Amino acid sequence: MAAKRILLLAGDYAEDYETMVPFQTLLAVGHTVHAVCPDKKAGDQVKTAIHDFEGAQTYSEKPGHNFTLNATFAEVKAEDYDALVIPGGRAPEYLRLNPKVLDLVRHFFSANKPVAAVCHGAQILAAAGVLQGRKCSAYPACGPEVREAGGDYADIPVDQAVTQGNLVTAPAWPAHPVWMGQFLKLLGTQITL
């Protein structure tokens, strides 16, 4: 397997686990991962948030870690990357307002490159207009946005993921093992023990 170059879209108040776990997992299996955020450069940090399911009507939020970016958003060229990861949390609310973010996302779909999105990451996919006719899971509160964007919202258990074509999605961080497993398969990553 040739190592892949993967772009990870980070942002302030992205969900901590949904940022850290894919970043570290993909590095651990030998891929290059560039974590970027609009208006920030390599070495800058974004604040993350920890979302948990504690019996309330929605998730709770606590301060997460500061996550250090390792690439500069202004220098990113989508054609230099083999795949894209979109974490959830609150960051997608404002990342989807950035035209370059939306153009990057559209590139990965038009080139049929692997894309992994989790939780509120579907907000970026909806804003980019890439969900028409696609099955997409997300945090349940994003289901209406997936449907309005022409997607087929996959209402699956919180610890599951769904893949259709080049897109693998999951409702939230409890799905990491399945979500990352399906993404690694799309990447052609083979792990031998």
C-alpha atoms as a PDB file:
ATOM      1  CA  MET A   1       0.000   0.000   0.000  1.00  0.00           C
ATOM      2  CA  ALA A   2       1.302   3.419  -0.889  1.00  0.00           C
ATOM      3  CA  ALA A   3       0.916   6.023   1.840  1.00  0.00           C
ATOM      4  CA  LYS A   4      -1.842   8.525   1.138  1.00  0.00           C
ATOM      5  CA  ARG A   5      -1.905  12.274   1.660  1.00  0.00           C
ATOM      6  CA  ILE A   6      -5.000  13.189   3.645  1.00  0.00           C
ATOM      7  CA  LEU A   7      -6.480  16.606   4.381  1.00  0.00           C
ATOM      8  CA  LEU A   8      -8.283  17.104   7.710  1.00  0.00           C
ATOM      9  CA  LEU A   9     -10.510  20.180   8.100  1.00  0.00           C
ATOM     10  CA  ALA A  10     -10.168  21.415  11.675  1.00  0.00           C
ATOM     11  CA  GLY A  11     -11.668  24.447  13.341  1.00  0.00           C
ATOM     12  CA  ASP A  12     -12.324  25.997  16.713  1.00  0.00           C
ATOM     13  CA  TYR A  13     -14.744  23.871  18.719  1.00  0.00           C
ATOM     14  CA  ALA A  14     -14.487  20.865  16.467  1.00  0.00           C
ATOM     15  CA  GLU A  15     -15.245  17.793  18.544  1.00  0.00           C
ATOM     16  CA  ASP A  16     -12.035  16.756  20.307  1.00  0.00           C
ATOM     17  CA  TYR A  17     -12.222  12.989  19.664  1.00  0.00           C
ATOM     18  CA  GLU A  18     -13.481  13.461  16.116  1.00  0.00           C
ATOM     19  CA  THR A  19     -10.387  15.534  15.359  1.00  0.00           C
ATOM     20  CA  MET A  20      -7.680  13.779  17.370  1.00  0.00           C
ATOM     21  CA  VAL A  21      -8.619  10.134  16.751  1.00  0.00           C
ATOM     22  CA  PRO A  22      -8.697  10.200  12.921  1.00  0.00           C
ATOM     23  CA  PHE A  23      -5.579  12.388  12.832  1.00  0.00           C
ATOM     24  CA  GLN A  24      -3.624   9.982  15.039  1.00  0.00           C
ATOM     25  CA  THR A  25      -5.094   6.800  13.526  1.00  0.00           C
ATOM     26  CA  LEU A  26      -4.208   7.795   9.984  1.00  0.00           C
ATOM     27  CA  LEU A  27      -0.682   8.796  11.012  1.00  0.00           C
ATOM     28  CA  ALA A  28      -0.245   5.513  12.906  1.00  0.00           C
ATOM     29  CA  VAL A  29      -0.899   3.452   9.777  1.00  0.00           C
ATOM     30  CA  GLY A  30       1.616   5.446   7.728  1.00  0.00           C
ATOM     31  CA  HIS A  31      -0.446   8.107   5.965  1.00  0.00           C
ATOM     32  CA  THR A  32       0.470  11.795   5.837  1.00  0.00           C
ATOM     33  CA  VAL A  33      -2.232  13.961   7.406  1.00  0.00           C
ATOM     34  CA  HIS A  34      -2.366  17.730   7.054  1.00  0.00           C
ATOM     35  CA  ALA A  35      -4.700  19.394   9.565  1.00  0.00           C
ATOM     36  CA  VAL A  36      -5.773  22.873   8.462  1.00  0.00           C
ATOM     37  CA  CYS A  37      -8.199  25.622   9.418  1.00  0.00           C
ATOM     38  CA  PRO A  38      -9.171  28.757   7.457  1.00  0.00           C
ATOM     39  CA  ASP A  39      -7.211  31.867   8.458  1.00  0.00           C
ATOM     40  CA  LYS A  40      -4.640  29.777  10.363  1.00  0.00           C
ATOM     41  CA  LYS A  41      -1.206  28.456   9.537  1.00  0.00           C
ATOM     42  CA  ALA A  42       0.985  25.523  10.556  1.00  0.00           C
ATOM     43  CA  GLY A  43       1.803  25.774  14.258  1.00  0.00           C
ATOM     44  CA  ASP A  44      -1.393  27.645  15.151  1.00  0.00           C
ATOM     45  CA  GLN A  45      -3.885  25.929  17.423  1.00  0.00           C
ATOM     46  CA  VAL A  46      -7.638  25.421  17.429  1.00  0.00           C
ATOM     47  CA  LYS A  47      -9.672  24.848  20.567  1.00  0.00           C
ATOM     48  CA  THR A  48     -11.649  21.617  20.615  1.00  0.00           C
ATOM     49  CA  ALA A  49     -14.737  20.615  22.567  1.00  0.00           C
ATOM     50  CA  ILE A  50     -15.643  17.309  24.178  1.00  0.00           C
ATOM     51  CA  HIS A  51     -19.207  16.255  23.463  1.00  0.00           C
ATOM     52  CA  ASP A  52     -20.781  13.548  25.559  1.00  0.00           C
ATOM     53  CA  PHE A  53     -24.103  11.763  25.795  1.00  0.00           C
ATOM     54  CA  GLU A  54     -25.238  12.073  29.410  1.00  0.00           C
ATOM     55  CA  GLY A  55     -28.985  11.561  29.211  1.00  0.00           C
ATOM     56  CA  ALA A  56     -30.041  15.089  28.219  1.00  0.00           C
ATOM     57  CA  GLN A  57     -32.026  15.880  25.086  1.00  0.00           C
ATOM     58  CA  THR A  58     -28.771  16.613  23.258  1.00  0.00           C
ATOM     59  CA  TYR A  59     -25.053  16.232  23.922  1.00  0.00           C
ATOM     60  CA  SER A  60     -23.179  18.110  26.632  1.00  0.00           C
ATOM     61  CA  GLU A  61     -20.083  20.175  25.837  1.00  0.00           C
ATOM     62  CA  LYS A  62     -16.878  20.609  27.824  1.00  0.00           C
ATOM     63  CA  PRO A  63     -13.557  22.220  26.893  1.00  0.00           C
ATOM     64  CA  GLY A  64     -11.273  19.909  24.955  1.00  0.00           C
ATOM     65  CA  HIS A  65      -7.583  20.064  24.101  1.00  0.00           C
ATOM     66  CA  ASN A  66      -5.819  22.656  22.005  1.00  0.00           C
ATOM     67  CA  PHE A  67      -5.047  20.948  18.707  1.00  0.00           C
ATOM     68  CA  THR A  68      -1.968  22.124  16.796  1.00  0.00           C
ATOM     69  CA  LEU A  69      -2.362  22.479  13.044  1.00  0.00           C
ATOM     70  CA  ASN A  70       0.484  21.110  10.936  1.00  0.00           C
ATOM     71  CA  ALA A  71      -0.258  22.799   7.603  1.00  0.00           C
ATOM     72  CA  THR A  72      -1.322  26.228   6.369  1.00  0.00           C
ATOM     73  CA  PHE A  73      -4.851  26.501   4.960  1.00  0.00           C
ATOM     74  CA  ALA A  74      -3.943  29.233   2.440  1.00  0.00           C
ATOM     75  CA  GLU A  75      -1.351  26.916   0.851  1.00  0.00           C
ATOM     76  CA  VAL A  76      -3.608  23.857   0.480  1.00  0.00           C
ATOM     77  CA  LYS A  77      -4.358  22.581  -3.035  1.00  0.00           C
ATOM     78  CA  ALA A  78      -7.026  19.878  -3.141  1.00  0.00           C
ATOM     79  CA  GLU A  79      -5.383  18.102  -6.065  1.00  0.00           C
ATOM     80  CA  ASP A  80      -2.353  17.375  -3.816  1.00  0.00           C
ATOM     81  CA  TYR A  81      -4.455  15.142  -1.536  1.00  0.00           C
ATOM     82  CA  ASP A  82      -5.860  11.631  -1.870  1.00  0.00           C
ATOM     83  CA  ALA A  83      -8.642  11.922   0.721  1.00  0.00           C
ATOM     84  CA  LEU A  84     -10.510  14.258   3.067  1.00  0.00           C
ATOM     85  CA  VAL A  85     -11.616  14.000   6.718  1.00  0.00           C
ATOM     86  CA  ILE A  86     -14.314  16.301   8.135  1.00  0.00           C
ATOM     87  CA  PRO A  87     -14.722  16.144  11.938  1.00  0.00           C
ATOM     88  CA  GLY A  88     -17.920  17.264  13.627  1.00  0.00           C
ATOM     89  CA  GLY A  89     -18.588  19.479  16.596  1.00  0.00           C
ATOM     90  CA  ARG A  90     -19.479  23.132  16.236  1.00  0.00           C
ATOM     91  CA  ALA A  91     -16.665  23.995  13.785  1.00  0.00           C
ATOM     92  CA  PRO A  92     -18.697  22.959  10.706  1.00  0.00           C
ATOM     93  CA  GLU A  93     -21.185  25.768  11.493  1.00  0.00           C
ATOM     94  CA  TYR A  94     -18.637  28.358  10.416  1.00  0.00           C
ATOM     95  CA  LEU A  95     -16.354  26.286   8.182  1.00  0.00           C
ATOM     96  CA  ARG A  96     -19.282  25.833   5.790  1.00  0.00           C
ATOM     97  CA  LEU A  97     -19.387  29.602   5.321  1.00  0.00           C
ATOM     98  CA  ASN A  98     -15.897  29.641   3.770  1.00  0.00           C
ATOM     99  CA  PRO A  99     -15.996  29.413  -0.073  1.00  0.00           C
ATOM    100  CA  LYS A 100     -12.555  27.743  -0.251  1.00  0.00           C
ATOM    101  CA  VAL A 101     -13.672  25.035   2.193  1.00  0.00           C
ATOM    102  CA  LEU A 102     -16.678  24.310  -0.018  1.00  0.00           C
ATOM    103  CA  ASP A 103     -14.506  24.264  -3.157  1.00  0.00           C
ATOM    104  CA  LEU A 104     -12.107  21.805  -1.485  1.00  0.00           C
ATOM    105  CA  VAL A 105     -14.990  19.503  -0.586  1.00  0.00           C
ATOM    106  CA  ARG A 106     -16.425  19.675  -4.107  1.00  0.00           C
ATOM    107  CA  HIS A 107     -13.034  18.695  -5.552  1.00  0.00           C
ATOM    108  CA  PHE A 108     -12.927  15.459  -3.546  1.00  0.00           C
ATOM    109  CA  PHE A 109     -16.393  14.514  -4.769  1.00  0.00           C
ATOM    110  CA  SER A 110     -15.854  15.465  -8.413  1.00  0.00           C
ATOM    111  CA  ALA A 111     -12.575  13.496  -8.388  1.00  0.00           C
ATOM    112  CA  ASN A 112     -14.263  10.585  -6.532  1.00  0.00           C
ATOM    113  CA  LYS A 113     -11.641  10.636  -3.771  1.00  0.00           C
ATOM    114  CA  PRO A 114     -12.439   9.112  -0.348  1.00  0.00           C
ATOM    115  CA  VAL A 115     -14.205  11.426   2.123  1.00  0.00           C
ATOM    116  CA  ALA A 116     -14.899  10.655   5.794  1.00  0.00           C
ATOM    117  CA  ALA A 117     -17.336  12.897   7.687  1.00  0.00           C
ATOM    118  CA  VAL A 118     -18.714  12.438  11.180  1.00  0.00           C
ATOM    119  CA  CYS A 119     -21.385  14.103  13.297  1.00  0.00           C
ATOM    120  CA  HIS A 120     -21.961  17.746  12.272  1.00  0.00           C
ATOM    121  CA  GLY A 121     -19.456  17.372   9.402  1.00  0.00           C
ATOM    122  CA  ALA A 122     -22.532  16.723   7.250  1.00  0.00           C
ATOM    123  CA  GLN A 123     -23.298  20.456   7.518  1.00  0.00           C
ATOM    124  CA  ILE A 124     -20.260  21.133   5.331  1.00  0.00           C
ATOM    125  CA  LEU A 125     -21.280  18.428   2.853  1.00  0.00           C
ATOM    126  CA  ALA A 126     -24.790  19.898   2.642  1.00  0.00           C
ATOM    127  CA  ALA A 127     -23.470  23.432   2.128  1.00  0.00           C
ATOM    128  CA  ALA A 128     -21.109  22.192  -0.605  1.00  0.00           C
ATOM    129  CA  GLY A 129     -24.044  20.654  -2.465  1.00  0.00           C
ATOM    130  CA  VAL A 130     -22.524  17.171  -2.705  1.00  0.00           C
ATOM    131  CA  LEU A 131     -25.215  15.069  -0.999  1.00  0.00           C
ATOM    132  CA  GLN A 132     -27.774  14.784  -3.805  1.00  0.00           C
ATOM    133  CA  GLY A 133     -28.810  11.117  -3.948  1.00  0.00           C
ATOM    134  CA  ARG A 134     -26.160  10.028  -1.425  1.00  0.00           C
ATOM    135  CA  LYS A 135     -26.646   8.063   1.773  1.00  0.00           C
ATOM    136  CA  CYS A 136     -25.204  10.084   4.661  1.00  0.00           C
ATOM    137  CA  SER A 137     -25.257   9.610   8.410  1.00  0.00           C
ATOM    138  CA  ALA A 138     -24.730  12.461  10.858  1.00  0.00           C
ATOM    139  CA  TYR A 139     -25.666  13.584  14.324  1.00  0.00           C
ATOM    140  CA  PRO A 140     -29.498  13.327  14.310  1.00  0.00           C
ATOM    141  CA  ALA A 141     -29.922  17.115  14.581  1.00  0.00           C
ATOM    142  CA  CYS A 142     -28.271  17.357  11.134  1.00  0.00           C
ATOM    143  CA  GLY A 143     -30.711  14.911   9.531  1.00  0.00           C
ATOM    144  CA  PRO A 144     -32.979  17.699   8.218  1.00  0.00           C
ATOM    145  CA  GLU A 145     -29.976  19.402   6.560  1.00  0.00           C
ATOM    146  CA  VAL A 146     -28.935  16.152   4.873  1.00  0.00           C
ATOM    147  CA  ARG A 147     -32.483  15.671   3.555  1.00  0.00           C
ATOM    148  CA  GLU A 148     -32.815  19.322   2.416  1.00  0.00           C
ATOM    149  CA  ALA A 149     -29.556  18.917   0.487  1.00  0.00           C
ATOM    150  CA  GLY A 150     -31.048  15.952  -1.386  1.00  0.00           C
ATOM    151  CA  GLY A 151     -29.281  13.289   0.646  1.00  0.00           C
ATOM    152  CA  ASP A 152     -30.674  10.081   2.066  1.00  0.00           C
ATOM    153  CA  TYR A 153     -30.213  10.508   5.826  1.00  0.00           C
ATOM    154  CA  ALA A 154     -29.022   7.222   7.358  1.00  0.00           C
ATOM    155  CA  ASP A 155     -30.496   7.031  10.870  1.00  0.00           C
ATOM    156  CA  ILE A 156     -28.118   4.410  12.265  1.00  0.00           C
ATOM    157  CA  PRO A 157     -26.929   3.580  15.809  1.00  0.00           C
ATOM    158  CA  VAL A 158     -24.386   6.021  17.238  1.00  0.00           C
ATOM    159  CA  ASP A 159     -21.630   3.388  17.091  1.00  0.00           C
ATOM    160  CA  GLN A 160     -22.098   2.518  13.405  1.00  0.00           C
ATOM    161  CA  ALA A 161     -21.036   4.010  10.055  1.00  0.00           C
ATOM    162  CA  VAL A 162     -22.261   3.832   6.485  1.00  0.00           C
ATOM    163  CA  THR A 163     -20.306   3.892   3.221  1.00  0.00           C
ATOM    164  CA  GLN A 164     -21.718   4.751  -0.181  1.00  0.00           C
ATOM    165  CA  GLY A 165     -19.254   5.149  -3.009  1.00  0.00           C
ATOM    166  CA  ASN A 166     -16.420   7.435  -1.895  1.00  0.00           C
ATOM    167  CA  LEU A 167     -18.255   8.707   1.230  1.00  0.00           C
ATOM    168  CA  VAL A 168     -18.111   7.169   4.709  1.00  0.00           C
ATOM    169  CA  THR A 169     -20.159   8.851   7.440  1.00  0.00           C
ATOM    170  CA  ALA A 170     -21.080   8.237  11.069  1.00  0.00           C
ATOM    171  CA  PRO A 171     -23.335   9.875  13.678  1.00  0.00           C
ATOM    172  CA  ALA A 172     -20.681  10.607  16.345  1.00  0.00           C
ATOM    173  CA  TRP A 173     -17.392   9.587  17.947  1.00  0.00           C
ATOM    174  CA  PRO A 174     -18.638   6.250  19.404  1.00  0.00           C
ATOM    175  CA  ALA A 175     -18.499   5.015  15.794  1.00  0.00           C
ATOM    176  CA  HIS A 176     -14.750   5.598  15.433  1.00  0.00           C
ATOM    177  CA  PRO A 177     -13.737   1.913  15.106  1.00  0.00           C
ATOM    178  CA  VAL A 178     -16.294   1.234  12.370  1.00  0.00           C
ATOM    179  CA  TRP A 179     -15.987   4.671  10.711  1.00  0.00           C
ATOM    180  CA  MET A 180     -12.184   4.581  10.542  1.00  0.00           C
ATOM    181  CA  GLY A 181     -12.251   0.916   9.494  1.00  0.00           C
ATOM    182  CA  GLN A 182     -14.506   1.718   6.528  1.00  0.00           C
ATOM    183  CA  PHE A 183     -12.393   4.768   5.631  1.00  0.00           C
ATOM    184  CA  LEU A 184      -9.165   2.746   5.734  1.00  0.00           C
ATOM    185  CA  LYS A 185     -10.805   0.236   3.387  1.00  0.00           C
ATOM    186  CA  LEU A 186     -11.690   3.066   0.963  1.00  0.00           C
ATOM    187  CA  LEU A 187      -8.070   4.219   1.144  1.00  0.00           C
ATOM    188  CA  GLY A 188      -6.841   0.709   0.331  1.00  0.00           C
ATOM    189  CA  THR A 189      -4.929   0.587   3.617  1.00  0.00           C
ATOM    190  CA  GLN A 190      -3.872  -2.912   4.586  1.00  0.00           C
ATOM    191  CA  ILE A 191      -2.763  -3.677   8.115  1.00  0.00           C
ATOM    192  CA  THR A 192      -1.023  -6.949   8.778  1.00  0.00           C
ATOM    193  CA  LEU A 193      -0.084  -8.314  12.170  1.00  0.00           C
END
